[in-house]
């Protein structure tokens, strides 16, 4: 508990001098005497928040709202609309179409892999190839910062294939069949050169 502060006689004299010299800014707006002031009615209290549901440590949380995290890349690629003819797509998806070219980006850094990919795709399209295989590898397990815990190139290559200058050359990007690398590779179906 705090003790009340008292002014010394010198401090009290200074305060009285200052108070005597002060003039109100708006003399005409003096407050009414305390007897004329009507008490303000009390403000209504807001409704109390509903009590938190009981919980147990380690119990599963019930979340009413859906999360806003994107589905895994593999699911997004598989659910994308088909741009090529259906018969060829089904054969490619089953691993029955043989890739006409392949590039292995294993172990490369992003700044090495991106120009290699551009050169390979544009050269393959120029040579009239239709289906090529881009091998990225599955990435190291346990990369904690990635949403699905796996390789950088595996996530970036489909994005790069949708950007210029490759977007004009690429018709379809799908995960490869297991015999061609599965999750560690992509089929890239190229447009015919005009």
Protein backbone atom coordinates (compact mmCIF):
# COMPACT_ATOMS: atom_id res chain seq x y z
CA UNK A 1 0.00 0.00 0.00
CA UNK A 2 1.30 3.41 -0.95
CA UNK A 3 1.57 6.17 1.65
CA UNK A 4 -0.09 9.51 0.79
CA UNK A 5 2.29 12.16 -0.47
CA UNK A 6 2.34 15.53 1.32
CA UNK A 7 3.75 18.74 -0.04
CA UNK A 8 6.43 20.49 1.92
CA UNK A 9 5.63 24.08 3.00
CA UNK A 10 7.89 25.46 0.22
CA UNK A 11 6.24 23.27 -2.46
CA UNK A 12 2.78 24.27 -1.19
CA UNK A 13 3.70 27.99 -1.44
CA UNK A 14 4.90 27.53 -5.06
CA UNK A 15 1.75 25.59 -5.96
CA UNK A 16 -0.52 28.27 -4.45
CA UNK A 17 1.33 30.98 -6.46
CA UNK A 18 0.92 29.02 -9.72
CA UNK A 19 -2.74 28.30 -9.05
CA UNK A 20 -3.46 32.00 -8.34
CA UNK A 21 -2.01 33.06 -11.74
CA UNK A 22 -3.87 30.50 -13.83
CA UNK A 23 -6.90 31.71 -15.74
CA UNK A 24 -9.40 29.36 -17.35
CA UNK A 25 -9.29 29.14 -21.16
CA UNK A 26 -13.05 29.43 -21.50
CA UNK A 27 -14.40 31.40 -18.59
CA UNK A 28 -17.96 31.34 -19.95
CA UNK A 29 -18.03 27.53 -19.89
CA UNK A 30 -17.70 27.10 -16.19
CA UNK A 31 -18.98 23.88 -14.81
CA UNK A 32 -22.28 24.01 -13.02
CA UNK A 33 -22.15 23.61 -9.27
CA UNK A 34 -22.10 20.05 -8.09
CA UNK A 35 -25.72 20.25 -6.89
CA UNK A 36 -27.00 20.95 -10.45
CA UNK A 37 -25.14 18.02 -12.02
CA UNK A 38 -27.41 15.08 -12.71
CA UNK A 39 -25.84 11.71 -12.31
CA UNK A 40 -25.42 9.84 -15.57
CA UNK A 41 -27.28 6.59 -15.76
CA UNK A 42 -25.03 3.55 -15.63
CA UNK A 43 -24.12 2.03 -18.97
CA UNK A 44 -25.58 -1.38 -19.61
CA UNK A 45 -23.07 -4.14 -19.16
CA UNK A 46 -22.35 -6.22 -22.28
CA UNK A 47 -23.46 -9.80 -22.23
CA UNK A 48 -20.76 -11.99 -20.78
CA UNK A 49 -18.84 -14.16 -23.22
CA UNK A 50 -20.00 -17.75 -23.37
CA UNK A 51 -17.91 -20.01 -21.22
CA UNK A 52 -15.10 -21.91 -22.92
CA UNK A 53 -15.85 -25.56 -23.54
CA UNK A 54 -14.05 -27.96 -21.27
CA UNK A 55 -10.97 -29.63 -22.69
CA UNK A 56 -8.43 -32.22 -21.80
CA UNK A 57 -4.74 -31.95 -22.57
CA UNK A 58 -3.96 -34.01 -25.66
CA UNK A 59 -7.60 -34.18 -26.83
CA UNK A 60 -8.36 -33.45 -30.45
CA UNK A 61 -9.66 -29.93 -31.11
CA UNK A 62 -12.97 -29.53 -32.88
CA UNK A 63 -12.52 -26.83 -35.51
CA UNK A 64 -15.70 -25.48 -37.05
CA UNK A 65 -14.08 -23.48 -39.84
CA UNK A 66 -12.15 -25.03 -42.73
CA UNK A 67 -8.46 -24.24 -43.00
CA UNK A 68 -7.09 -22.13 -45.83
CA UNK A 69 -4.05 -24.24 -46.65
CA UNK A 70 -3.72 -25.33 -50.26
CA UNK A 71 -4.13 -29.02 -50.99
CA UNK A 72 -0.89 -30.87 -51.75
CA UNK A 73 0.72 -30.12 -55.12
CA UNK A 74 0.16 -33.68 -56.33
CA UNK A 75 -3.61 -33.35 -55.71
CA UNK A 76 -3.76 -29.94 -57.41
CA UNK A 77 -1.96 -31.26 -60.51
CA UNK A 78 -4.18 -34.34 -60.70
CA UNK A 79 -7.39 -32.31 -60.39
CA UNK A 80 -6.38 -29.71 -63.00
CA UNK A 81 -8.46 -29.77 -66.20
CA UNK A 82 -7.04 -31.86 -69.04
CA UNK A 83 -5.62 -29.75 -71.88
CA UNK A 84 -4.51 -32.56 -74.21
CA UNK A 85 -6.60 -35.21 -75.97
CA UNK A 86 -8.13 -37.70 -73.54
CA UNK A 87 -6.80 -40.88 -75.15
CA UNK A 88 -3.18 -39.68 -75.05
CA UNK A 89 -3.70 -38.37 -71.53
CA UNK A 90 -4.95 -41.73 -70.24
CA UNK A 91 -2.03 -43.54 -71.89
CA UNK A 92 0.43 -41.03 -70.41
CA UNK A 93 -1.13 -41.30 -66.96
CA UNK A 94 -0.87 -45.11 -67.08
CA UNK A 95 2.82 -44.86 -68.03
CA UNK A 96 2.22 -46.34 -71.50
CA UNK A 97 3.56 -43.33 -73.42
CA UNK A 98 7.33 -43.36 -73.56
CA UNK A 99 8.95 -39.96 -72.91
CA UNK A 100 10.96 -38.73 -75.90
CA UNK A 101 13.43 -36.83 -73.73
CA UNK A 102 14.38 -36.42 -70.11
CA UNK A 103 16.25 -34.04 -67.85
CA UNK A 104 17.46 -34.86 -64.37
CA UNK A 105 17.56 -31.87 -62.02
CA UNK A 106 18.60 -33.96 -58.99
CA UNK A 107 20.98 -32.18 -56.67
CA UNK A 108 20.83 -28.83 -58.48
CA UNK A 109 20.15 -25.53 -56.77
CA UNK A 110 17.25 -23.39 -57.99
CA UNK A 111 19.51 -20.95 -59.83
CA UNK A 112 21.14 -23.86 -61.72
CA UNK A 113 17.97 -25.84 -62.39
CA UNK A 114 15.81 -23.01 -63.79
CA UNK A 115 18.00 -22.12 -66.83
CA UNK A 116 18.63 -25.83 -67.51
CA UNK A 117 14.87 -26.47 -67.53
CA UNK A 118 14.18 -23.54 -69.86
CA UNK A 119 16.85 -24.63 -72.32
CA UNK A 120 15.72 -28.27 -72.24
CA UNK A 121 11.99 -27.55 -72.77
CA UNK A 122 12.51 -25.05 -75.58
CA UNK A 123 15.04 -27.32 -77.32
CA UNK A 124 12.68 -30.32 -77.00
CA UNK A 125 9.80 -28.33 -78.46
CA UNK A 126 12.05 -27.11 -81.29
CA UNK A 127 12.98 -30.74 -82.05
CA UNK A 128 9.28 -31.66 -82.32
CA UNK A 129 9.14 -33.78 -79.16
CA UNK A 130 5.75 -34.03 -77.46
CA UNK A 131 6.32 -35.82 -74.15
CA UNK A 132 9.36 -35.21 -71.95
CA UNK A 133 10.20 -36.27 -68.42
CA UNK A 134 11.50 -33.77 -65.86
CA UNK A 135 13.09 -35.52 -62.88
CA UNK A 136 13.25 -33.41 -59.74
CA UNK A 137 13.73 -36.06 -57.08
CA UNK A 138 11.48 -36.37 -54.07
CA UNK A 139 13.57 -34.10 -51.86
CA UNK A 140 14.94 -34.75 -48.43
CA UNK A 141 12.55 -35.89 -45.76
CA UNK A 142 12.34 -33.63 -42.77
CA UNK A 143 12.75 -30.19 -44.40
CA UNK A 144 10.70 -28.60 -41.64
CA UNK A 145 9.90 -25.33 -43.41
CA UNK A 146 8.12 -26.86 -46.39
CA UNK A 147 4.37 -27.52 -45.99
CA UNK A 148 4.72 -31.13 -47.06
CA UNK A 149 8.30 -31.50 -45.80
CA UNK A 150 9.83 -32.27 -49.19
CA UNK A 151 12.11 -30.87 -51.91
CA UNK A 152 12.25 -27.38 -53.30
CA UNK A 153 12.57 -28.32 -56.99
CA UNK A 154 9.69 -30.73 -56.70
CA UNK A 155 7.45 -27.79 -55.73
CA UNK A 156 8.93 -25.14 -58.01
CA UNK A 157 9.17 -26.95 -61.36
CA UNK A 158 5.37 -27.00 -61.99
CA UNK A 159 5.27 -23.27 -61.23
CA UNK A 160 8.17 -22.54 -63.55
CA UNK A 161 6.46 -24.49 -66.34
CA UNK A 162 3.43 -22.16 -66.08
CA UNK A 163 5.51 -18.97 -66.41
CA UNK A 164 7.02 -17.32 -69.48
CA UNK A 165 8.95 -18.36 -71.53
CA UNK A 166 7.86 -21.97 -70.89
CA UNK A 167 4.08 -21.42 -70.67
CA UNK A 168 3.77 -21.06 -74.45
CA UNK A 169 5.53 -24.41 -74.96
CA UNK A 170 3.86 -26.50 -72.24
CA UNK A 171 0.38 -27.98 -72.70
CA UNK A 172 0.15 -30.34 -69.71
CA UNK A 173 2.09 -31.06 -66.50
CA UNK A 174 1.29 -34.19 -64.49
CA UNK A 175 3.09 -36.33 -61.90
CA UNK A 176 4.90 -39.21 -63.57
CA UNK A 177 3.84 -42.85 -63.38
CA UNK A 178 5.68 -44.95 -60.81
CA UNK A 179 7.82 -46.63 -63.49
CA UNK A 180 9.06 -43.21 -64.65
CA UNK A 181 9.84 -41.82 -61.19
CA UNK A 182 6.48 -41.35 -59.47
CA UNK A 183 6.44 -38.37 -57.11
CA UNK A 184 10.00 -37.44 -58.04
CA UNK A 185 9.27 -36.68 -61.71
CA UNK A 186 6.79 -34.89 -63.97
CA UNK A 187 5.46 -35.63 -67.42
CA UNK A 188 5.52 -32.46 -69.51
CA UNK A 189 3.41 -32.64 -72.65
CA UNK A 190 4.54 -30.01 -75.16
CA UNK A 191 2.58 -28.06 -77.75
CA UNK A 192 3.43 -28.44 -81.41
CA UNK A 193 5.72 -25.73 -82.67
CA UNK A 194 3.98 -23.30 -85.01
